[in-house]
Protein backbone atom coordinates (compact mmCIF):
# COMPACT_ATOMS: atom_id res chain seq x y z
CA UNK A 1 0.00 0.00 0.00
CA UNK A 2 1.31 3.41 -0.94
CA UNK A 3 1.38 5.89 1.94
CA UNK A 4 0.09 9.38 1.28
CA UNK A 5 0.66 10.48 4.85
CA UNK A 6 1.54 14.15 5.03
CA UNK A 7 0.24 14.93 1.54
CA UNK A 8 -1.79 18.12 1.32
CA UNK A 9 -3.96 16.78 -1.51
CA UNK A 10 -6.24 13.74 -1.51
CA UNK A 11 -4.65 10.56 -2.82
CA UNK A 12 -7.14 10.46 -5.71
CA UNK A 13 -5.88 13.82 -6.97
CA UNK A 14 -2.24 12.75 -6.73
CA UNK A 15 -2.87 9.41 -8.44
CA UNK A 16 -4.86 11.04 -11.25
CA UNK A 17 -2.14 13.61 -11.92
CA UNK A 18 0.70 11.07 -11.87
CA UNK A 19 -1.27 8.63 -14.03
CA UNK A 20 -2.10 11.32 -16.56
CA UNK A 21 1.53 12.50 -16.77
CA UNK A 22 2.97 9.01 -17.15
CA UNK A 23 0.26 7.56 -19.41
CA UNK A 24 -0.05 10.40 -21.92
CA UNK A 25 3.45 11.87 -21.83
CA UNK A 26 2.28 15.45 -21.47
CA UNK A 27 4.26 18.20 -19.80
CA UNK A 28 3.86 19.20 -16.17
CA UNK A 29 2.36 22.48 -17.31
CA UNK A 30 -0.19 20.59 -19.39
CA UNK A 31 -1.14 18.47 -16.38
CA UNK A 32 -1.35 21.65 -14.32
CA UNK A 33 -3.88 23.06 -16.81
CA UNK A 34 -5.84 19.79 -16.91
CA UNK A 35 -6.04 19.74 -13.12
CA UNK A 36 -7.11 23.38 -13.06
CA UNK A 37 -9.94 22.56 -15.49
CA UNK A 38 -11.09 20.01 -12.92
CA UNK A 39 -11.01 22.56 -10.09
CA UNK A 40 -7.65 21.62 -8.54
CA UNK A 41 -4.97 24.28 -8.37
CA UNK A 42 -1.54 22.67 -8.21
CA UNK A 43 1.86 23.97 -9.26
CA UNK A 44 3.88 22.16 -11.92
CA UNK A 45 6.81 21.84 -9.47
CA UNK A 46 4.49 19.96 -7.11
CA UNK A 47 3.48 17.69 -9.97
CA UNK A 48 7.16 17.02 -10.62
CA UNK A 49 7.69 16.01 -6.97
CA UNK A 50 4.64 13.74 -7.09
CA UNK A 51 5.86 11.96 -10.22
CA UNK A 52 9.34 11.47 -8.77
CA UNK A 53 7.98 10.21 -5.44
CA UNK A 54 4.93 8.17 -6.43
CA UNK A 55 5.48 6.78 -9.94
CA UNK A 56 8.07 4.17 -8.82
CA UNK A 57 5.80 3.15 -5.93
CA UNK A 58 2.81 2.81 -8.25
CA UNK A 59 4.85 0.71 -10.69
CA UNK A 60 6.03 -1.57 -7.86
CA UNK A 61 2.48 -1.99 -6.57
CA UNK A 62 1.26 -2.83 -10.07
CA UNK A 63 3.96 -5.48 -10.44
CA UNK A 64 2.94 -7.07 -7.14
CA UNK A 65 -0.71 -7.17 -8.19
CA UNK A 66 0.16 -8.77 -11.53
CA UNK A 67 2.51 -11.28 -9.90
CA UNK A 68 5.63 -10.10 -11.73
């Protein structure tokens, strides 16, 4: 289980932003605009930190679920 303890945003917001960045290969500024369209104001530097911190953890969790 990935810990979101201490995060100022709900885990759903973080996961959506990281998924969108990784899956579609858009820029942090593009994700920032997409999130703003959905009513979430987040800086592109924060998005960068989320991707660096959570994308490896998400990939590891996915591997465990798929038995790899």
